[in-house]
């Protein structure tokens, strides 16, 4: 008689324990110790005693969710957004802004410090208004056939499902005010079942929208969108999946920086937090100590966020960027602002750079602003240039710490560190570091 083995189902119970939180990590999780392991607790803050439910128990760490706060700390705040805890956009609205900034600065200091060397301190925290700061947002659109309704919102935490967004207090007020009327407009379209996403941006000359649609829009739908755009003074582009956007009206968005007018396409990357961006650019220029005879290299330059302001103060500045469309926009803005000492090159900076026409020029100062992957492919070339000063702007402290080793090994000194509070209430940790060679 054949016997079949039937494995017993593993029964897991979610352990509930009481712990005291010692610190806040940069992702907004409280940190405690339990059974010799680090325990990361979502929803708990330093100094709090909390009853928590363990959700994950690994060999070296544990994760848990706060079930009940027994002793709340003075830096706990009531979240402003009704979607907090469900929406994946913010992780730290329950913590005072000062606590958020301090925890990120401590994490940055820890990641940049080396064993056996004095700890690296964060000199400056560059920040702006903690609410109403976000001038760009991409909202998902999803038709729900059972409820016969259109969902519009950000993704839920750890999910592909959308939050039905009613408010968003981190959006600039001009964009937050559009949320409900825009949802009503899109819900009335014949193509409501075949919409992809919508992107909202606030330029200095008004708000703009890019609507991604999966099928061709009818004349009636276009008319509704045109009427909505006119009523709300909204620059609108339609995106059907091709490489180009179709404008509903002739308009060119722009923003101002250092008395320069910088135009951009709705598809171009611009910094989300304008106030912090302005301060960041000013601080970078001050750290570079720009002089009239300087020759500056700006790597990963985008559409010239740093390059063009630098051009106002130096003999020559060269920007290098991998995205051709951004290079074209940067060149246009240099001409628009009559900056004839600025030039741009398109090159993938993850590839060999030594034979590039710009690479052999005698630069005495360098700025880098890479994406999350960092600048590993170009750091050795920066060292060969032997600039007096290097300013590294980072959106990922892990790759910043890695790339810093190349400069430190080549005799550079880490002079200044700034934490950029570009995204309050979120886990994003951005920074800027000055290196000098003596």
Protein backbone atom coordinates (compact mmCIF):
# COMPACT_ATOMS: atom_id res chain seq x y z
CA UNK A 1 0.00 0.00 0.00
CA UNK A 2 1.50 3.32 -1.06
CA UNK A 3 1.95 5.96 1.59
CA UNK A 4 1.92 9.64 0.82
CA UNK A 5 3.77 12.13 3.00
CA UNK A 6 1.79 15.21 3.93
CA UNK A 7 3.89 17.98 5.44
CA UNK A 8 2.30 19.66 8.42
CA UNK A 9 1.55 23.31 7.90
CA UNK A 10 3.89 25.50 9.90
CA UNK A 11 1.91 27.51 12.38
CA UNK A 12 3.44 30.91 13.07
CA UNK A 13 2.27 33.10 15.90
CA UNK A 14 2.98 36.78 15.89
CA UNK A 15 4.86 37.37 19.10
CA UNK A 16 3.84 40.45 21.09
CA UNK A 17 6.47 42.03 23.34
CA UNK A 18 7.11 45.30 25.17
CA UNK A 19 10.28 47.24 24.32
CA UNK A 20 11.82 50.68 24.82
CA UNK A 21 12.88 52.52 21.67
CA UNK A 22 16.41 53.96 21.72
CA UNK A 23 16.67 55.78 18.38
CA UNK A 24 15.05 56.47 15.01
CA UNK A 25 16.61 55.09 11.84
CA UNK A 26 16.58 57.19 8.62
CA UNK A 27 13.61 55.19 7.34
CA UNK A 28 11.41 56.37 10.22
CA UNK A 29 11.54 53.10 12.19
CA UNK A 30 12.16 53.02 15.91
CA UNK A 31 15.17 50.92 16.95
CA UNK A 32 15.26 48.74 20.07
CA UNK A 33 17.15 45.65 21.25
CA UNK A 34 15.57 42.28 21.99
CA UNK A 35 17.33 38.98 22.66
CA UNK A 36 20.60 40.53 21.52
CA UNK A 37 19.20 41.61 18.13
CA UNK A 38 18.34 44.96 16.64
CA UNK A 39 14.56 45.33 16.52
CA UNK A 40 13.12 47.78 13.97
CA UNK A 41 9.66 49.00 14.91
CA UNK A 42 7.41 50.91 12.53
CA UNK A 43 5.30 53.54 14.25
CA UNK A 44 7.48 53.95 17.36
CA UNK A 45 9.78 56.84 18.33
CA UNK A 46 12.87 57.22 20.56
CA UNK A 47 12.19 57.20 24.29
CA UNK A 48 8.85 55.47 23.89
CA UNK A 49 7.86 52.27 25.61
CA UNK A 50 5.76 50.32 23.15
CA UNK A 51 3.87 47.06 22.92
CA UNK A 52 4.85 45.69 19.50
CA UNK A 53 3.93 42.77 17.29
CA UNK A 54 6.89 40.95 15.75
CA UNK A 55 6.46 40.52 11.99
CA UNK A 56 9.89 39.16 11.05
CA UNK A 57 12.58 37.35 13.05
CA UNK A 58 15.92 36.94 11.25
CA UNK A 59 19.27 35.73 12.55
CA UNK A 60 20.67 39.24 13.06
CA UNK A 61 17.61 41.49 13.32
CA UNK A 62 13.85 41.58 13.88
CA UNK A 63 11.00 43.73 12.56
CA UNK A 64 7.81 44.69 14.32
CA UNK A 65 4.83 47.03 14.25
CA UNK A 66 3.80 49.17 17.18
CA UNK A 67 0.53 47.82 18.58
CA UNK A 68 0.21 50.25 21.48
CA UNK A 69 2.35 53.15 22.66
CA UNK A 70 2.54 52.91 26.45
CA UNK A 71 4.65 56.03 26.99
CA UNK A 72 4.58 58.49 24.05
CA UNK A 73 7.55 60.81 23.61
CA UNK A 74 7.35 64.60 23.41
CA UNK A 75 8.41 64.54 19.74
CA UNK A 76 5.42 62.48 18.62
CA UNK A 77 3.02 64.47 16.41
CA UNK A 78 -0.39 63.84 14.94
CA UNK A 79 0.00 63.12 11.19
CA UNK A 80 -1.59 65.82 9.04
CA UNK A 81 -2.61 63.47 6.25
CA UNK A 82 -5.61 61.18 6.60
CA UNK A 83 -3.86 58.67 4.31
CA UNK A 84 -0.77 58.34 6.54
CA UNK A 85 -0.05 54.73 7.40
CA UNK A 86 -1.71 53.46 4.22
CA UNK A 87 -0.11 55.61 1.51
CA UNK A 88 3.49 54.69 0.75
CA UNK A 89 4.54 58.30 0.13
CA UNK A 90 5.40 59.35 3.71
CA UNK A 91 6.87 57.31 6.55
CA UNK A 92 7.57 59.91 9.27
CA UNK A 93 4.62 62.28 9.70
CA UNK A 94 4.25 60.99 13.27
CA UNK A 95 7.70 62.40 14.16
CA UNK A 96 8.62 66.04 14.76
CA UNK A 97 10.61 67.53 11.90
CA UNK A 98 13.59 68.21 14.20
CA UNK A 99 13.68 64.51 15.14
CA UNK A 100 13.47 63.45 11.48
CA UNK A 101 16.38 65.71 10.57
CA UNK A 102 18.50 64.65 13.55
CA UNK A 103 18.01 60.93 12.80
CA UNK A 104 18.98 61.40 9.16
CA UNK A 105 22.02 63.48 10.10
CA UNK A 106 23.14 60.80 12.57
CA UNK A 107 22.72 58.07 9.94
CA UNK A 108 24.70 60.10 7.40
CA UNK A 109 27.48 60.73 9.94
CA UNK A 110 27.62 57.02 10.79
CA UNK A 111 27.81 55.93 7.14
CA UNK A 112 30.58 58.38 6.27
CA UNK A 113 32.72 57.69 9.34
CA UNK A 114 35.59 55.24 9.12
CA UNK A 115 36.83 52.80 11.73
CA UNK A 116 39.79 54.17 13.64
CA UNK A 117 39.24 57.72 12.42
CA UNK A 118 37.44 60.62 14.12
CA UNK A 119 33.69 60.51 13.41
CA UNK A 120 32.44 62.63 10.51
CA UNK A 121 30.07 65.35 11.67
CA UNK A 122 27.25 66.94 9.69
CA UNK A 123 27.96 70.70 9.64
CA UNK A 124 24.74 71.92 8.07
CA UNK A 125 21.14 70.85 7.60
CA UNK A 126 19.63 72.54 4.56
CA UNK A 127 15.86 72.60 4.83
CA UNK A 128 12.73 74.49 3.80
CA UNK A 129 9.05 74.32 4.68
CA UNK A 130 8.18 70.77 5.83
CA UNK A 131 4.67 70.97 4.31
CA UNK A 132 3.50 72.03 0.88
CA UNK A 133 6.98 71.63 -0.61
CA UNK A 134 6.56 69.04 -3.35
CA UNK A 135 6.18 70.64 -6.78
CA UNK A 136 6.06 67.42 -8.77
CA UNK A 137 3.90 64.30 -8.34
CA UNK A 138 3.04 61.28 -10.43
CA UNK A 139 -0.36 59.79 -9.61
CA UNK A 140 -1.52 56.36 -10.71
CA UNK A 141 -4.92 55.95 -12.40
CA UNK A 142 -6.86 52.70 -12.07
CA UNK A 143 -10.38 51.83 -13.18
CA UNK A 144 -12.28 49.61 -10.75
CA UNK A 145 -14.91 47.70 -12.75
CA UNK A 146 -16.83 46.37 -9.73
CA UNK A 147 -17.22 49.77 -8.10
CA UNK A 148 -17.45 51.49 -11.50
CA UNK A 149 -15.08 54.23 -10.40
CA UNK A 150 -11.64 55.67 -11.16
CA UNK A 151 -8.97 55.52 -8.47
CA UNK A 152 -6.34 58.26 -8.53
CA UNK A 153 -3.47 58.34 -6.07
CA UNK A 154 -0.09 57.13 -4.90
CA UNK A 155 0.78 53.49 -4.26
CA UNK A 156 -0.02 51.99 -0.91
CA UNK A 157 2.92 51.03 1.27
CA UNK A 158 4.44 47.71 0.07
CA UNK A 159 1.68 47.28 -2.53
CA UNK A 160 0.74 48.04 -6.12
CA UNK A 161 -2.73 49.10 -5.02
CA UNK A 162 -3.59 52.79 -5.12
CA UNK A 163 -4.77 55.05 -2.34
CA UNK A 164 -7.87 57.03 -3.32
CA UNK A 165 -6.20 60.39 -2.75
CA UNK A 166 -8.32 63.17 -1.27
CA UNK A 167 -5.52 65.34 0.09
CA UNK A 168 -1.73 65.51 0.15
CA UNK A 169 -0.28 68.11 2.52
CA UNK A 170 3.27 67.71 1.21
CA UNK A 171 2.16 68.86 -2.27
CA UNK A 172 2.45 72.57 -3.01
CA UNK A 173 -1.02 74.08 -2.40
CA UNK A 174 -1.54 74.83 -6.11
CA UNK A 175 -1.25 71.11 -6.94
CA UNK A 176 -3.17 69.85 -3.90
CA UNK A 177 -6.08 72.11 -4.89
CA UNK A 178 -6.23 70.32 -8.27
CA UNK A 179 -6.65 66.81 -6.86
CA UNK A 180 -10.42 66.64 -6.47
CA UNK A 181 -11.48 68.65 -9.55
CA UNK A 182 -8.97 66.73 -11.68
CA UNK A 183 -10.35 63.42 -10.44
CA UNK A 184 -13.86 64.56 -11.34
CA UNK A 185 -12.74 65.63 -14.81
CA UNK A 186 -10.90 62.37 -15.55
CA UNK A 187 -13.82 60.31 -14.20
CA UNK A 188 -16.11 61.98 -16.75
CA UNK A 189 -14.01 61.02 -19.79
CA UNK A 190 -15.20 58.34 -22.21
CA UNK A 191 -11.66 56.91 -22.00
CA UNK A 192 -11.77 56.64 -18.19
CA UNK A 193 -11.12 52.88 -18.35
CA UNK A 194 -7.99 53.35 -20.45
CA UNK A 195 -5.93 55.91 -18.56
CA UNK A 196 -2.43 55.19 -17.30
CA UNK A 197 -1.22 57.93 -14.97
CA UNK A 198 -1.14 61.68 -14.55
CA UNK A 199 1.85 63.85 -13.69
CA UNK A 200 1.48 67.25 -12.06
CA UNK A 201 4.24 69.86 -11.93
CA UNK A 202 4.27 73.42 -10.66
CA UNK A 203 6.47 75.66 -12.81
CA UNK A 204 7.14 79.31 -11.97
CA UNK A 205 4.67 80.28 -14.71
CA UNK A 206 1.90 77.98 -13.51
CA UNK A 207 0.90 74.33 -13.04
CA UNK A 208 1.16 71.73 -15.79
CA UNK A 209 -0.22 68.25 -16.33
CA UNK A 210 0.84 65.27 -18.41
CA UNK A 211 -1.92 62.69 -18.97
CA UNK A 212 -0.93 59.21 -20.10
CA UNK A 213 -3.75 57.53 -22.05
CA UNK A 214 -3.69 54.04 -23.54
CA UNK A 215 -6.11 54.62 -26.44
CA UNK A 216 -6.71 57.60 -28.73
CA UNK A 217 -8.92 60.22 -27.10
CA UNK A 218 -12.23 61.20 -28.67
CA UNK A 219 -12.95 64.78 -29.72
CA UNK A 220 -15.38 65.07 -26.78
CA UNK A 221 -12.69 63.98 -24.30
CA UNK A 222 -10.16 66.42 -25.73
CA UNK A 223 -12.71 69.20 -25.45
CA UNK A 224 -13.34 68.37 -21.77
CA UNK A 225 -9.61 68.41 -21.06
CA UNK A 226 -9.15 71.70 -22.89
CA UNK A 227 -12.02 73.24 -20.92
CA UNK A 228 -10.60 71.96 -17.63
CA UNK A 229 -7.13 73.27 -18.50
CA UNK A 230 -8.54 76.69 -19.36
CA UNK A 231 -10.61 76.91 -16.17
CA UNK A 232 -7.64 75.99 -13.96
CA UNK A 233 -4.97 77.80 -16.02
CA UNK A 234 -3.25 74.47 -16.46
CA UNK A 235 -0.67 73.71 -19.15
CA UNK A 236 -1.61 70.26 -20.46
CA UNK A 237 0.20 67.64 -22.51
CA UNK A 238 -1.13 64.29 -23.72
CA UNK A 239 1.09 61.20 -23.75
CA UNK A 240 -0.01 58.26 -25.90
CA UNK A 241 3.10 56.14 -25.27
CA UNK A 242 5.16 57.51 -28.14
CA UNK A 243 8.40 59.43 -27.61
CA UNK A 244 6.77 62.83 -27.97
CA UNK A 245 4.11 64.68 -26.00
CA UNK A 246 1.17 66.46 -27.59
CA UNK A 247 0.43 69.89 -26.07
CA UNK A 248 -3.15 71.10 -25.81
CA UNK A 249 -1.88 74.68 -25.92
CA UNK A 250 1.36 76.43 -26.76
CA UNK A 251 3.32 76.91 -23.53
CA UNK A 252 6.84 76.45 -22.20
CA UNK A 253 7.22 75.89 -18.43
CA UNK A 254 10.18 77.43 -16.62
CA UNK A 255 11.64 78.04 -13.20
CA UNK A 256 14.13 80.66 -11.98
CA UNK A 257 17.48 80.05 -10.30
CA UNK A 258 20.20 82.63 -9.60
CA UNK A 259 18.40 85.20 -11.78
CA UNK A 260 18.39 82.69 -14.63
CA UNK A 261 15.24 81.51 -16.42
CA UNK A 262 15.46 77.75 -17.01
CA UNK A 263 12.89 76.28 -19.38
CA UNK A 264 12.13 72.58 -19.28
CA UNK A 265 10.03 69.91 -20.93
CA UNK A 266 7.39 68.18 -18.78
CA UNK A 267 9.46 65.02 -19.26
CA UNK A 268 12.66 66.60 -17.90
CA UNK A 269 13.87 66.00 -14.37
CA UNK A 270 13.75 69.01 -12.06
CA UNK A 271 14.26 68.96 -8.30
CA UNK A 272 11.01 68.35 -6.43
CA UNK A 273 11.75 70.76 -3.57
CA UNK A 274 12.43 74.20 -5.06
CA UNK A 275 13.32 75.96 -1.79
CA UNK A 276 15.91 73.35 -0.80
CA UNK A 277 17.22 73.21 -4.37
CA UNK A 278 17.90 76.96 -4.36
CA UNK A 279 19.77 76.71 -1.05
CA UNK A 280 21.65 73.61 -2.21
CA UNK A 281 22.90 75.32 -5.38
CA UNK A 282 23.96 78.40 -3.40
CA UNK A 283 25.83 76.24 -0.84
CA UNK A 284 27.57 74.22 -3.56
CA UNK A 285 28.78 77.39 -5.28
CA UNK A 286 30.03 78.77 -1.96
CA UNK A 287 31.92 75.54 -1.16
CA UNK A 288 33.54 75.57 -4.61
CA UNK A 289 34.82 79.09 -3.80
CA UNK A 290 34.36 80.13 -7.43
CA UNK A 291 36.89 82.56 -8.92
CA UNK A 292 36.90 84.36 -12.32
CA UNK A 293 39.74 82.18 -13.68
CA UNK A 294 38.24 78.82 -12.58
CA UNK A 295 37.55 75.99 -15.03
CA UNK A 296 34.81 73.77 -13.59
CA UNK A 297 33.55 70.32 -14.59
CA UNK A 298 29.96 69.38 -13.69
CA UNK A 299 29.31 65.64 -14.05
CA UNK A 300 25.78 64.17 -14.21
CA UNK A 301 24.69 67.74 -14.86
CA UNK A 302 21.09 67.10 -15.97
CA UNK A 303 19.70 70.22 -17.65
CA UNK A 304 22.26 72.44 -15.93
CA UNK A 305 20.84 72.90 -12.42
CA UNK A 306 24.37 73.66 -11.13
CA UNK A 307 26.20 74.26 -14.41
CA UNK A 308 24.34 77.36 -15.50
CA UNK A 309 24.58 79.24 -12.17
CA UNK A 310 28.29 78.33 -12.00
CA UNK A 311 28.72 79.87 -15.45
CA UNK A 312 27.91 83.32 -14.02
CA UNK A 313 31.08 83.35 -11.92
CA UNK A 314 33.89 81.47 -13.72
CA UNK A 315 36.00 81.49 -16.87
CA UNK A 316 34.57 78.22 -18.20
CA UNK A 317 32.27 75.41 -17.08
CA UNK A 318 31.57 72.10 -18.83
CA UNK A 319 28.51 69.97 -18.06
CA UNK A 320 28.36 66.26 -18.93
CA UNK A 321 25.10 64.29 -18.91
CA UNK A 322 24.01 60.89 -20.22
CA UNK A 323 20.47 61.83 -21.33
CA UNK A 324 20.57 63.56 -24.72
CA UNK A 325 17.26 65.42 -24.23
CA UNK A 326 18.56 67.03 -21.03
CA UNK A 327 21.76 68.10 -22.82
CA UNK A 328 19.72 69.77 -25.56
CA UNK A 329 17.61 71.58 -22.96
CA UNK A 330 20.72 72.70 -21.08
CA UNK A 331 22.25 74.07 -24.30
CA UNK A 332 19.04 75.96 -25.06
CA UNK A 333 19.00 77.49 -21.57
CA UNK A 334 22.64 78.56 -21.87
CA UNK A 335 21.75 80.44 -25.08
CA UNK A 336 18.55 81.83 -23.55
CA UNK A 337 20.53 83.30 -20.66
CA UNK A 338 23.46 84.46 -22.83
CA UNK A 339 26.02 82.24 -21.05
CA UNK A 340 28.72 81.80 -23.67
CA UNK A 341 31.32 80.30 -21.33
CA UNK A 342 29.17 77.20 -20.72
CA UNK A 343 29.15 74.09 -22.89
CA UNK A 344 27.58 70.65 -22.57
CA UNK A 345 28.47 67.12 -23.71
CA UNK A 346 26.39 63.95 -23.84
CA UNK A 347 28.13 60.83 -22.54
CA UNK A 348 27.26 57.79 -20.43
CA UNK A 349 29.46 58.35 -17.38
CA UNK A 350 29.38 54.65 -16.50
CA UNK A 351 31.57 54.07 -19.58
CA UNK A 352 35.20 55.00 -20.28
CA UNK A 353 35.65 58.77 -20.34
CA UNK A 354 39.38 59.33 -20.92
CA UNK A 355 38.98 59.70 -24.71
CA UNK A 356 36.08 62.14 -24.53
CA UNK A 357 36.80 65.62 -25.98
CA UNK A 358 36.09 67.30 -22.63
CA UNK A 359 38.10 64.89 -20.50
CA UNK A 360 41.59 66.30 -21.08
CA UNK A 361 40.73 69.91 -20.29
CA UNK A 362 42.42 71.41 -17.24
CA UNK A 363 39.64 71.63 -14.68
CA UNK A 364 40.57 72.89 -11.24
CA UNK A 365 37.18 72.24 -9.60
CA UNK A 366 34.62 69.44 -10.03
CA UNK A 367 30.99 68.94 -9.03
CA UNK A 368 29.17 65.59 -9.24
CA UNK A 369 25.43 64.97 -8.85
CA UNK A 370 24.91 61.28 -9.77
CA UNK A 371 21.81 59.13 -9.51
CA UNK A 372 21.40 56.49 -6.79
CA UNK A 373 23.97 54.19 -8.44
CA UNK A 374 26.67 56.73 -7.67
CA UNK A 375 29.70 57.69 -9.72
CA UNK A 376 32.01 54.66 -9.50
CA UNK A 377 32.74 54.71 -13.25
CA UNK A 378 34.13 58.23 -13.23
CA UNK A 379 35.80 58.61 -9.81
CA UNK A 380 39.24 57.49 -11.01
CA UNK A 381 39.12 60.14 -13.73
CA UNK A 382 38.18 62.81 -11.21
CA UNK A 383 41.29 61.85 -9.22
CA UNK A 384 43.44 62.13 -12.39
CA UNK A 385 42.18 65.67 -12.95
CA UNK A 386 43.48 66.51 -9.44
CA UNK A 387 41.00 69.36 -8.83
CA UNK A 388 41.49 71.62 -5.81
CA UNK A 389 37.91 71.10 -4.67
CA UNK A 390 35.26 68.47 -5.30
CA UNK A 391 31.60 68.85 -4.32
CA UNK A 392 29.64 65.59 -4.39
CA UNK A 393 25.82 65.84 -4.25
CA UNK A 394 24.22 62.52 -3.32
CA UNK A 395 20.77 60.93 -3.13
CA UNK A 396 22.18 57.66 -1.75
CA UNK A 397 24.53 57.68 1.27
CA UNK A 398 25.67 54.11 0.52
CA UNK A 399 27.19 54.98 -2.87
CA UNK A 400 28.42 58.33 -1.51
CA UNK A 401 30.39 56.48 1.20
CA UNK A 402 31.78 54.09 -1.43
CA UNK A 403 32.83 56.82 -3.88
CA UNK A 404 34.31 58.93 -1.07
CA UNK A 405 36.93 56.23 -0.47
CA UNK A 406 38.44 56.88 -3.91
CA UNK A 407 38.98 60.55 -3.07
CA UNK A 408 40.20 59.90 0.47
CA UNK A 409 42.70 57.30 -0.79
CA UNK A 410 44.02 59.86 -3.29
CA UNK A 411 44.84 62.35 -0.55
CA UNK A 412 41.64 64.39 -0.45
CA UNK A 413 40.17 65.56 2.84
CA UNK A 414 36.50 65.53 3.69
CA UNK A 415 35.95 69.16 4.69
CA UNK A 416 32.20 69.77 4.99
CA UNK A 417 29.00 67.69 5.11
CA UNK A 418 25.45 68.95 4.64
CA UNK A 419 22.27 66.92 5.06
CA UNK A 420 19.68 68.04 2.51
CA UNK A 421 16.15 67.70 3.86
CA UNK A 422 14.80 67.51 0.32
CA UNK A 423 11.90 65.19 1.19
CA UNK A 424 10.52 65.83 4.72
CA UNK A 425 8.40 63.04 6.26
CA UNK A 426 9.93 60.43 3.93
CA UNK A 427 12.87 58.03 4.21
CA UNK A 428 14.88 59.75 1.46
CA UNK A 429 18.31 60.87 2.69
CA UNK A 430 20.11 63.37 0.48
CA UNK A 431 23.42 65.06 1.19
CA UNK A 432 26.30 67.14 -0.13
CA UNK A 433 29.98 66.79 0.72
CA UNK A 434 33.02 69.01 0.07
CA UNK A 435 36.45 67.45 -0.52
CA UNK A 436 39.65 69.46 -0.82
CA UNK A 437 43.21 68.57 -1.78
CA UNK A 438 46.04 70.15 0.16
